[in-house]
């Protein structure tokens, strides 16, 4: 008759369970954080509006494979003859991702604020208010720690002093560093 040592059996079961959990975690790999930086083109005011160019940066902390929280900052600039205009946004919100091989598609809803100003020589006028964005994009991973943001497109709303500007769109592209 063969004797079974219960402590060895328990250790073996625990080791197999840990190995199975580790294998499951490895198949669910995702970056814990993503740092984006790149170019943005923004259209303010719809068809009769104006084009502005600038930069866009964001950091995303992933809670799991499909959900994260994003902080997005951007700056855009335009000269109208001798008048220089600037617009900055700072927003935060949830991001939902679908990861498939080297490609990650994402959608986000971001809310926060903006600051816009225009200046002529030493005179400057500015305003600030609420900013909201909804949109998404596609990242293509190049290496385990680098991706290219092929496209990010956002609808942008600004509200200040009782006036709401809804006809704004922003397109961004750049590099994403994965951690």
N, C-alpha and C. Protein backbone atom coordinates (compact mmCIF):
# COMPACT_ATOMS: atom_id res chain seq x y z
N UNK A 1 0.84 -1.17 0.00
CA UNK A 1 0.00 0.00 0.00
C UNK A 1 0.89 1.24 0.00
N UNK A 2 0.54 2.20 -0.83
CA UNK A 2 1.33 3.42 -0.97
C UNK A 2 0.79 4.49 -0.03
N UNK A 3 1.71 5.14 0.68
CA UNK A 3 1.32 6.22 1.60
C UNK A 3 1.42 7.55 0.89
N UNK A 4 0.43 8.40 1.06
CA UNK A 4 0.41 9.72 0.44
C UNK A 4 0.71 10.75 1.52
N UNK A 5 1.75 11.54 1.28
CA UNK A 5 2.11 12.61 2.21
C UNK A 5 1.28 13.84 1.83
N UNK A 6 0.32 14.20 2.71
CA UNK A 6 -0.60 15.31 2.42
C UNK A 6 0.12 16.64 2.29
N UNK A 7 1.19 16.85 3.03
CA UNK A 7 1.91 18.14 2.93
C UNK A 7 2.57 18.27 1.56
N UNK A 8 3.12 17.16 1.04
CA UNK A 8 3.73 17.22 -0.30
C UNK A 8 2.66 17.41 -1.37
N UNK A 9 1.52 16.77 -1.18
CA UNK A 9 0.42 16.92 -2.11
C UNK A 9 -0.10 18.36 -2.11
N UNK A 10 -0.22 18.96 -0.94
CA UNK A 10 -0.66 20.35 -0.82
C UNK A 10 0.34 21.30 -1.48
N UNK A 11 1.64 21.05 -1.25
CA UNK A 11 2.68 21.88 -1.88
C UNK A 11 2.64 21.75 -3.40
N UNK A 12 2.44 20.55 -3.90
CA UNK A 12 2.38 20.33 -5.35
C UNK A 12 1.15 21.04 -5.94
N UNK A 13 0.01 20.94 -5.23
CA UNK A 13 -1.21 21.61 -5.70
C UNK A 13 -1.02 23.12 -5.70
N UNK A 14 -0.39 23.64 -4.65
CA UNK A 14 -0.13 25.09 -4.59
C UNK A 14 0.80 25.52 -5.71
N UNK A 15 1.85 24.74 -5.98
CA UNK A 15 2.78 25.08 -7.06
C UNK A 15 2.09 25.06 -8.41
N UNK A 16 1.25 24.05 -8.65
CA UNK A 16 0.51 23.99 -9.92
C UNK A 16 -0.46 25.17 -10.04
N UNK A 17 -1.12 25.53 -8.94
CA UNK A 17 -2.04 26.67 -8.96
C UNK A 17 -1.30 27.97 -9.26
N UNK A 18 -0.15 28.17 -8.62
CA UNK A 18 0.65 29.37 -8.89
C UNK A 18 1.12 29.40 -10.34
N UNK A 19 1.53 28.25 -10.86
CA UNK A 19 1.97 28.19 -12.26
C UNK A 19 0.82 28.54 -13.21
N UNK A 20 -0.38 28.03 -12.90
CA UNK A 20 -1.55 28.33 -13.74
C UNK A 20 -1.89 29.82 -13.67
N UNK A 21 -1.85 30.41 -12.46
CA UNK A 21 -2.12 31.84 -12.31
C UNK A 21 -1.08 32.67 -13.05
N UNK A 22 0.18 32.25 -12.95
CA UNK A 22 1.26 32.97 -13.64
C UNK A 22 1.07 32.90 -15.16
N UNK A 23 0.69 31.73 -15.67
CA UNK A 23 0.46 31.58 -17.11
C UNK A 23 -0.73 32.44 -17.55
N UNK A 24 -1.77 32.49 -16.73
CA UNK A 24 -2.93 33.33 -17.07
C UNK A 24 -2.54 34.79 -17.06
N UNK A 25 -1.74 35.20 -16.08
CA UNK A 25 -1.30 36.61 -16.01
C UNK A 25 -0.42 36.95 -17.20
N UNK A 26 0.44 36.02 -17.62
CA UNK A 26 1.32 36.27 -18.76
C UNK A 26 0.51 36.46 -20.04
N UNK A 27 -0.59 35.71 -20.18
CA UNK A 27 -1.41 35.86 -21.39
C UNK A 27 -2.22 37.14 -21.36
N UNK A 28 -2.36 37.77 -20.18
CA UNK A 28 -3.12 39.00 -20.03
C UNK A 28 -2.21 40.22 -19.94
N UNK A 29 -1.00 40.11 -20.42
CA UNK A 29 -0.05 41.22 -20.27
C UNK A 29 -0.56 42.49 -20.94
N UNK A 30 -0.30 43.58 -20.28
CA UNK A 30 -0.64 44.90 -20.78
C UNK A 30 0.29 45.88 -20.10
N UNK A 31 0.55 47.02 -20.72
CA UNK A 31 1.42 48.00 -20.05
C UNK A 31 0.70 48.61 -18.85
N UNK A 32 1.43 48.81 -17.78
CA UNK A 32 0.86 49.44 -16.58
C UNK A 32 0.67 50.93 -16.80
N UNK A 33 1.55 51.52 -17.63
CA UNK A 33 1.45 52.96 -17.92
C UNK A 33 1.86 53.20 -19.37
N UNK A 34 1.27 54.24 -19.97
CA UNK A 34 1.60 54.64 -21.33
C UNK A 34 1.81 56.15 -21.34
N UNK A 35 2.90 56.58 -21.95
CA UNK A 35 3.23 58.00 -22.03
C UNK A 35 3.24 58.39 -23.50
N UNK A 36 2.33 59.31 -23.88
CA UNK A 36 2.18 59.73 -25.29
C UNK A 36 2.68 61.16 -25.45
N UNK A 37 3.32 61.41 -26.56
CA UNK A 37 3.72 62.76 -26.94
C UNK A 37 3.71 62.90 -28.44
N UNK A 38 3.17 64.01 -28.94
CA UNK A 38 3.15 64.18 -30.38
C UNK A 38 2.52 65.48 -30.83
N UNK A 39 2.19 65.49 -32.11
CA UNK A 39 1.64 66.65 -32.82
C UNK A 39 0.12 66.62 -32.74
N UNK A 40 -0.49 67.81 -32.69
CA UNK A 40 -1.95 67.90 -32.80
C UNK A 40 -2.34 68.96 -33.83
N UNK A 41 -3.41 68.68 -34.54
CA UNK A 41 -4.09 69.63 -35.43
C UNK A 41 -5.48 69.80 -34.85
N UNK A 42 -5.90 71.03 -34.63
CA UNK A 42 -7.22 71.30 -34.08
C UNK A 42 -7.98 72.25 -35.00
N UNK A 43 -9.23 71.94 -35.21
CA UNK A 43 -10.14 72.80 -35.97
C UNK A 43 -11.13 73.38 -34.97
N UNK A 44 -11.11 74.69 -34.82
CA UNK A 44 -12.00 75.38 -33.88
C UNK A 44 -13.09 76.08 -34.66
N UNK A 45 -14.34 75.86 -34.29
CA UNK A 45 -15.44 76.59 -34.90
C UNK A 45 -16.04 75.95 -36.13
N UNK A 46 -15.76 74.69 -36.40
CA UNK A 46 -16.39 74.00 -37.52
C UNK A 46 -15.98 74.52 -38.87
N UNK A 47 -16.91 74.48 -39.82
CA UNK A 47 -16.64 74.84 -41.22
C UNK A 47 -16.11 76.27 -41.36
N UNK A 48 -16.67 77.21 -40.62
CA UNK A 48 -16.25 78.61 -40.72
C UNK A 48 -15.17 78.96 -39.71
N UNK A 49 -14.56 77.97 -39.10
CA UNK A 49 -13.59 78.20 -38.04
C UNK A 49 -12.17 78.39 -38.54
N UNK A 50 -11.24 78.04 -37.66
CA UNK A 50 -9.83 78.23 -37.95
C UNK A 50 -9.04 76.98 -37.56
N UNK A 51 -7.90 76.80 -38.20
CA UNK A 51 -7.01 75.68 -37.92
C UNK A 51 -5.90 76.14 -37.00
N UNK A 52 -5.56 75.33 -36.00
CA UNK A 52 -4.42 75.62 -35.15
C UNK A 52 -3.60 74.34 -34.98
N UNK A 53 -2.31 74.50 -34.77
CA UNK A 53 -1.39 73.38 -34.64
C UNK A 53 -0.66 73.47 -33.31
N UNK A 54 -0.18 72.34 -32.83
CA UNK A 54 0.56 72.35 -31.58
C UNK A 54 0.99 70.97 -31.15
N UNK A 55 1.00 70.74 -29.85
CA UNK A 55 1.47 69.49 -29.27
C UNK A 55 0.36 68.87 -28.41
N UNK A 56 0.49 67.58 -28.19
CA UNK A 56 -0.44 66.84 -27.33
C UNK A 56 0.37 65.83 -26.53
N UNK A 57 0.11 65.75 -25.25
CA UNK A 57 0.76 64.78 -24.39
C UNK A 57 -0.25 64.15 -23.46
N UNK A 58 -0.02 62.90 -23.11
CA UNK A 58 -0.94 62.21 -22.20
C UNK A 58 -0.20 61.12 -21.46
N UNK A 59 -0.68 60.83 -20.27
CA UNK A 59 -0.21 59.68 -19.51
C UNK A 59 -1.43 58.87 -19.12
N UNK A 60 -1.32 57.58 -19.33
CA UNK A 60 -2.44 56.68 -19.05
C UNK A 60 -1.96 55.60 -18.08
N UNK A 61 -2.66 55.45 -16.97
CA UNK A 61 -2.40 54.36 -16.03
C UNK A 61 -3.45 53.30 -16.23
N UNK A 62 -3.02 52.09 -16.59
CA UNK A 62 -3.96 51.00 -16.84
C UNK A 62 -4.26 50.23 -15.57
N UNK A 63 -5.53 50.11 -15.25
CA UNK A 63 -5.98 49.35 -14.09
C UNK A 63 -6.01 47.87 -14.42
N UNK A 64 -6.43 47.55 -15.63
CA UNK A 64 -6.40 46.18 -16.13
C UNK A 64 -6.20 46.23 -17.64
N UNK A 65 -6.43 45.12 -18.31
CA UNK A 65 -6.16 45.02 -19.75
C UNK A 65 -7.02 45.97 -20.59
N UNK A 66 -8.20 46.33 -20.11
CA UNK A 66 -9.13 47.11 -20.93
C UNK A 66 -9.52 48.47 -20.34
N UNK A 67 -9.15 48.78 -19.09
CA UNK A 67 -9.58 50.02 -18.46
C UNK A 67 -8.39 50.77 -17.87
N UNK A 68 -8.36 52.09 -18.13
CA UNK A 68 -7.31 52.93 -17.57
C UNK A 68 -7.83 54.33 -17.31
N UNK A 69 -6.98 55.14 -16.71
CA UNK A 69 -7.30 56.54 -16.44
C UNK A 69 -6.24 57.40 -17.13
N UNK A 70 -6.70 58.38 -17.92
CA UNK A 70 -5.81 59.20 -18.74
C UNK A 70 -5.84 60.65 -18.30
N UNK A 71 -4.66 61.25 -18.21
CA UNK A 71 -4.50 62.70 -18.04
C UNK A 71 -3.92 63.22 -19.35
N UNK A 72 -4.60 64.17 -19.97
CA UNK A 72 -4.23 64.69 -21.29
C UNK A 72 -3.96 66.18 -21.20
N UNK A 73 -2.84 66.61 -21.76
CA UNK A 73 -2.47 68.03 -21.83
C UNK A 73 -2.18 68.37 -23.29
N UNK A 74 -2.56 69.60 -23.69
CA UNK A 74 -2.23 70.00 -25.05
C UNK A 74 -2.07 71.51 -25.14
N UNK A 75 -1.35 71.92 -26.15
CA UNK A 75 -1.16 73.34 -26.44
C UNK A 75 -1.21 73.55 -27.93
N UNK A 76 -1.93 74.58 -28.37
CA UNK A 76 -2.05 74.87 -29.79
C UNK A 76 -1.86 76.37 -30.00
N UNK A 77 -1.30 76.74 -31.16
CA UNK A 77 -0.87 78.12 -31.40
C UNK A 77 -1.24 78.56 -32.81
N UNK A 78 -1.56 79.86 -32.94
CA UNK A 78 -1.90 80.42 -34.25
C UNK A 78 -1.59 81.90 -34.23
N UNK A 79 -0.99 82.38 -35.30
CA UNK A 79 -0.76 83.82 -35.47
C UNK A 79 -1.76 84.35 -36.50
N UNK A 80 -2.42 85.43 -36.13
CA UNK A 80 -3.31 86.15 -37.03
C UNK A 80 -2.66 87.50 -37.29
N UNK A 81 -1.74 87.52 -38.22
CA UNK A 81 -0.96 88.74 -38.44
C UNK A 81 -0.14 89.03 -37.21
N UNK A 82 -0.28 90.21 -36.62
CA UNK A 82 0.52 90.55 -35.44
C UNK A 82 -0.06 90.01 -34.12
N UNK A 83 -1.22 89.36 -34.20
CA UNK A 83 -1.85 88.83 -32.99
C UNK A 83 -1.53 87.34 -32.86
N UNK A 84 -1.00 86.97 -31.72
CA UNK A 84 -0.69 85.57 -31.44
C UNK A 84 -1.71 84.97 -30.50
N UNK A 85 -2.26 83.83 -30.88
CA UNK A 85 -3.27 83.16 -30.05
C UNK A 85 -2.73 81.82 -29.55
N UNK A 86 -3.13 81.46 -28.33
CA UNK A 86 -2.72 80.20 -27.72
C UNK A 86 -3.94 79.56 -27.06
N UNK A 87 -3.97 78.23 -27.07
CA UNK A 87 -5.04 77.49 -26.39
C UNK A 87 -4.42 76.26 -25.72
N UNK A 88 -4.70 76.08 -24.44
CA UNK A 88 -4.19 74.94 -23.69
C UNK A 88 -5.36 74.18 -23.08
N UNK A 89 -5.30 72.85 -23.10
CA UNK A 89 -6.31 72.03 -22.43
C UNK A 89 -5.63 71.12 -21.41
N UNK A 90 -6.35 70.81 -20.35
CA UNK A 90 -5.89 69.87 -19.33
C UNK A 90 -7.12 69.08 -18.89
N UNK A 91 -7.13 67.79 -19.21
CA UNK A 91 -8.30 66.96 -18.97
C UNK A 91 -7.91 65.61 -18.36
N UNK A 92 -8.89 64.95 -17.79
CA UNK A 92 -8.69 63.66 -17.11
C UNK A 92 -9.94 62.83 -17.29
N UNK A 93 -9.78 61.51 -17.44
CA UNK A 93 -10.96 60.66 -17.54
C UNK A 93 -10.64 59.22 -17.86
N UNK A 94 -11.68 58.40 -17.98
CA UNK A 94 -11.51 56.97 -18.24
C UNK A 94 -11.16 56.69 -19.71
N UNK A 95 -10.37 55.64 -19.90
CA UNK A 95 -10.02 55.16 -21.24
C UNK A 95 -10.31 53.67 -21.31
N UNK A 96 -10.95 53.26 -22.38
CA UNK A 96 -11.30 51.86 -22.60
C UNK A 96 -10.51 51.37 -23.80
N UNK A 97 -9.79 50.25 -23.62
CA UNK A 97 -8.89 49.75 -24.66
C UNK A 97 -9.26 48.35 -25.10
N UNK A 98 -9.01 48.08 -26.38
CA UNK A 98 -9.11 46.72 -26.92
C UNK A 98 -7.74 46.38 -27.49
N UNK A 99 -7.08 45.40 -26.89
CA UNK A 99 -5.72 45.02 -27.29
C UNK A 99 -5.78 43.75 -28.11
N UNK A 100 -5.19 43.79 -29.31
CA UNK A 100 -5.18 42.63 -30.20
C UNK A 100 -3.82 42.56 -30.87
N UNK A 101 -2.97 41.69 -30.37
CA UNK A 101 -1.62 41.58 -30.93
C UNK A 101 -0.86 42.87 -30.74
N UNK A 102 -0.37 43.43 -31.83
CA UNK A 102 0.42 44.67 -31.78
C UNK A 102 -0.44 45.93 -31.85
N UNK A 103 -1.74 45.78 -32.01
CA UNK A 103 -2.63 46.93 -32.20
C UNK A 103 -3.52 47.12 -30.97
N UNK A 104 -3.62 48.36 -30.52
CA UNK A 104 -4.51 48.72 -29.43
C UNK A 104 -5.44 49.84 -29.90
N UNK A 105 -6.73 49.57 -29.87
CA UNK A 105 -7.73 50.60 -30.16
C UNK A 105 -8.25 51.10 -28.81
N UNK A 106 -8.51 52.39 -28.72
CA UNK A 106 -8.98 52.94 -27.44
C UNK A 106 -10.03 54.01 -27.67
N UNK A 107 -10.84 54.21 -26.64
CA UNK A 107 -11.84 55.28 -26.61
C UNK A 107 -11.77 55.92 -25.24
N UNK A 108 -11.97 57.24 -25.19
CA UNK A 108 -11.92 57.93 -23.90
C UNK A 108 -12.94 59.05 -23.83
N UNK A 109 -13.25 59.43 -22.59
CA UNK A 109 -14.09 60.58 -22.29
C UNK A 109 -13.32 61.38 -21.25
N UNK A 110 -12.93 62.59 -21.60
CA UNK A 110 -12.06 63.40 -20.75
C UNK A 110 -12.75 64.72 -20.41
N UNK A 111 -12.56 65.16 -19.18
CA UNK A 111 -13.13 66.44 -18.75
C UNK A 111 -12.10 67.19 -17.93
N UNK A 112 -12.14 68.49 -18.01
CA UNK A 112 -11.20 69.32 -17.27
C UNK A 112 -11.39 70.78 -17.63
N UNK A 113 -10.30 71.42 -18.01
CA UNK A 113 -10.38 72.83 -18.30
C UNK A 113 -9.52 73.25 -19.49
N UNK A 114 -9.63 74.53 -19.82
CA UNK A 114 -8.81 75.10 -20.89
C UNK A 114 -8.46 76.53 -20.52
N UNK A 115 -7.41 77.01 -21.16
CA UNK A 115 -7.04 78.42 -21.06
C UNK A 115 -6.69 78.87 -22.47
N UNK A 116 -7.30 79.95 -22.92
CA UNK A 116 -7.03 80.50 -24.24
C UNK A 116 -6.69 81.97 -24.09
N UNK A 117 -5.74 82.43 -24.91
CA UNK A 117 -5.36 83.84 -24.84
C UNK A 117 -4.93 84.33 -26.21
N UNK A 118 -4.98 85.64 -26.35
CA UNK A 118 -4.50 86.29 -27.57
C UNK A 118 -3.72 87.52 -27.14
N UNK A 119 -2.63 87.79 -27.84
CA UNK A 119 -1.80 88.92 -27.45
C UNK A 119 -1.32 89.71 -28.65
N UNK A 120 -1.15 90.99 -28.41
CA UNK A 120 -0.60 91.91 -29.41
C UNK A 120 0.42 92.77 -28.68
N UNK A 121 1.69 92.60 -29.06
CA UNK A 121 2.79 93.30 -28.39
C UNK A 121 2.73 93.03 -26.90
N UNK A 122 2.55 94.04 -26.06
CA UNK A 122 2.55 93.80 -24.62
C UNK A 122 1.13 93.65 -24.06
N UNK A 123 0.12 93.70 -24.92
CA UNK A 123 -1.27 93.53 -24.48
C UNK A 123 -1.69 92.07 -24.64
N UNK A 124 -2.41 91.55 -23.67
CA UNK A 124 -2.86 90.17 -23.73
C UNK A 124 -4.23 90.04 -23.07
N UNK A 125 -5.06 89.19 -23.64
CA UNK A 125 -6.39 88.92 -23.12
C UNK A 125 -6.55 87.41 -23.05
N UNK A 126 -7.13 86.89 -21.98
CA UNK A 126 -7.29 85.45 -21.86
C UNK A 126 -8.59 85.09 -21.19
N UNK A 127 -8.97 83.84 -21.34
CA UNK A 127 -10.15 83.29 -20.69
C UNK A 127 -9.89 81.83 -20.37
N UNK A 128 -10.63 81.34 -19.41
CA UNK A 128 -10.52 79.92 -19.07
C UNK A 128 -11.91 79.38 -18.84
N UNK A 129 -12.03 78.06 -18.85
CA UNK A 129 -13.33 77.45 -18.64
C UNK A 129 -13.26 75.96 -18.70
N UNK A 130 -14.42 75.35 -18.92
CA UNK A 130 -14.57 73.90 -18.97
C UNK A 130 -14.18 73.36 -20.33
N UNK A 131 -13.46 72.24 -20.33
CA UNK A 131 -13.14 71.53 -21.57
C UNK A 131 -13.57 70.08 -21.42
N UNK A 132 -14.19 69.54 -22.46
CA UNK A 132 -14.57 68.13 -22.49
C UNK A 132 -14.20 67.56 -23.84
N UNK A 133 -13.72 66.32 -23.85
CA UNK A 133 -13.34 65.64 -25.09
C UNK A 133 -13.88 64.23 -25.07
N UNK A 134 -14.28 63.77 -26.21
CA UNK A 134 -14.61 62.37 -26.38
C UNK A 134 -14.04 61.94 -27.72
N UNK A 135 -13.49 60.75 -27.74
CA UNK A 135 -12.86 60.27 -28.97
C UNK A 135 -12.10 58.99 -28.73
N UNK A 136 -11.10 58.78 -29.55
CA UNK A 136 -10.31 57.56 -29.43
C UNK A 136 -9.26 57.50 -30.50
N UNK A 137 -8.65 56.34 -30.60
CA UNK A 137 -7.59 56.20 -31.57
C UNK A 137 -7.05 54.79 -31.66
N UNK A 138 -5.92 54.68 -32.37
CA UNK A 138 -5.28 53.39 -32.62
C UNK A 138 -3.78 53.55 -32.43
N UNK A 139 -3.20 52.65 -31.60
CA UNK A 139 -1.75 52.58 -31.41
C UNK A 139 -1.24 51.29 -32.03
N UNK A 140 -0.09 51.36 -32.69
CA UNK A 140 0.56 50.18 -33.26
C UNK A 140 1.91 49.99 -32.57
N UNK A 141 2.04 48.88 -31.85
CA UNK A 141 3.27 48.60 -31.11
C UNK A 141 4.40 48.24 -32.07
N UNK A 142 5.54 48.90 -31.89
CA UNK A 142 6.72 48.67 -32.72
C UNK A 142 7.69 47.75 -31.99
N UNK A 143 7.90 48.00 -30.70
CA UNK A 143 8.73 47.17 -29.83
C UNK A 143 7.93 46.95 -28.55
N UNK A 144 8.44 46.12 -27.63
CA UNK A 144 7.69 45.92 -26.38
C UNK A 144 7.46 47.21 -25.58
N UNK A 145 8.30 48.23 -25.80
CA UNK A 145 8.17 49.46 -25.02
C UNK A 145 7.89 50.71 -25.86
N UNK A 146 7.57 50.54 -27.14
CA UNK A 146 7.32 51.69 -28.01
C UNK A 146 6.20 51.38 -28.99
N UNK A 147 5.28 52.34 -29.12
CA UNK A 147 4.20 52.23 -30.10
C UNK A 147 4.08 53.56 -30.84
N UNK A 148 3.45 53.51 -31.99
CA UNK A 148 3.15 54.71 -32.78
C UNK A 148 1.66 54.93 -32.68
N UNK A 149 1.28 56.13 -32.28
CA UNK A 149 -0.14 56.49 -32.29
C UNK A 149 -0.47 56.87 -33.72
N UNK A 150 -1.04 55.93 -34.45
CA UNK A 150 -1.36 56.15 -35.85
C UNK A 150 -2.37 57.28 -36.00
N UNK A 151 -3.33 57.31 -35.10
CA UNK A 151 -4.36 58.35 -35.16
C UNK A 151 -5.08 58.43 -33.83
N UNK A 152 -5.33 59.65 -33.40
CA UNK A 152 -6.24 59.92 -32.29
C UNK A 152 -7.15 61.05 -32.76
N UNK A 153 -8.44 60.85 -32.66
CA UNK A 153 -9.40 61.87 -33.08
C UNK A 153 -10.35 62.16 -31.92
N UNK A 154 -10.54 63.44 -31.63
CA UNK A 154 -11.39 63.85 -30.51
C UNK A 154 -12.33 64.96 -30.93
N UNK A 155 -13.55 64.89 -30.43
CA UNK A 155 -14.49 66.00 -30.50
C UNK A 155 -14.25 66.80 -29.22
N UNK A 156 -14.20 68.10 -29.32
CA UNK A 156 -13.80 68.95 -28.21
C UNK A 156 -14.86 70.03 -27.96
N UNK A 157 -15.25 70.17 -26.69
CA UNK A 157 -16.21 71.18 -26.28
C UNK A 157 -15.52 72.12 -25.29
N UNK A 158 -15.73 73.42 -25.50
CA UNK A 158 -15.22 74.45 -24.57
C UNK A 158 -16.41 75.27 -24.07
N UNK A 159 -16.41 75.57 -22.78
CA UNK A 159 -17.47 76.41 -22.21
C UNK A 159 -16.84 77.46 -21.31
N UNK A 160 -17.15 78.74 -21.59
CA UNK A 160 -16.65 79.84 -20.78
C UNK A 160 -17.63 81.00 -20.81
N UNK A 161 -17.83 81.62 -19.70
CA UNK A 161 -18.66 82.83 -19.55
C UNK A 161 -20.02 82.69 -20.24
N UNK A 162 -20.67 81.52 -20.08
CA UNK A 162 -21.99 81.31 -20.65
C UNK A 162 -22.00 80.94 -22.12
N UNK A 163 -20.85 80.87 -22.76
CA UNK A 163 -20.76 80.54 -24.18
C UNK A 163 -20.18 79.14 -24.33
N UNK A 164 -20.80 78.31 -25.17
CA UNK A 164 -20.31 76.96 -25.41
C UNK A 164 -19.92 76.82 -26.88
N UNK A 165 -18.69 76.40 -27.12
CA UNK A 165 -18.20 76.13 -28.47
C UNK A 165 -18.14 74.62 -28.64
N UNK A 166 -19.01 74.10 -29.52
CA UNK A 166 -19.14 72.65 -29.71
C UNK A 166 -18.52 72.15 -31.01
N UNK A 167 -18.21 73.02 -31.93
CA UNK A 167 -17.78 72.60 -33.26
C UNK A 167 -16.26 72.55 -33.37
N UNK A 168 -15.64 71.75 -32.50
CA UNK A 168 -14.19 71.65 -32.49
C UNK A 168 -13.78 70.19 -32.66
N UNK A 169 -12.69 69.97 -33.34
CA UNK A 169 -12.15 68.63 -33.52
C UNK A 169 -10.64 68.68 -33.40
N UNK A 170 -10.08 67.62 -32.85
CA UNK A 170 -8.63 67.55 -32.69
C UNK A 170 -8.15 66.20 -33.21
N UNK A 171 -7.06 66.22 -33.97
CA UNK A 171 -6.41 65.00 -34.45
C UNK A 171 -4.97 65.04 -33.97
N UNK A 172 -4.52 63.91 -33.40
CA UNK A 172 -3.16 63.83 -32.88
C UNK A 172 -2.46 62.59 -33.40
N UNK A 173 -1.13 62.66 -33.45
CA UNK A 173 -0.31 61.51 -33.81
C UNK A 173 1.04 61.68 -33.12
N UNK A 174 1.72 60.57 -32.87
CA UNK A 174 3.01 60.66 -32.20
C UNK A 174 3.48 59.32 -31.69
N UNK A 175 4.31 59.35 -30.63
CA UNK A 175 4.90 58.14 -30.07
C UNK A 175 4.32 57.85 -28.70
N UNK A 176 4.21 56.56 -28.38
CA UNK A 176 3.71 56.11 -27.10
C UNK A 176 4.78 55.22 -26.46
N UNK A 177 5.22 55.60 -25.27
CA UNK A 177 6.19 54.79 -24.53
C UNK A 177 5.43 53.93 -23.53
N UNK A 178 5.67 52.61 -23.57
CA UNK A 178 4.94 51.65 -22.76
C UNK A 178 5.80 51.19 -21.59
N UNK A 179 5.21 51.22 -20.41
CA UNK A 179 5.94 50.82 -19.18
C UNK A 179 5.20 49.68 -18.49
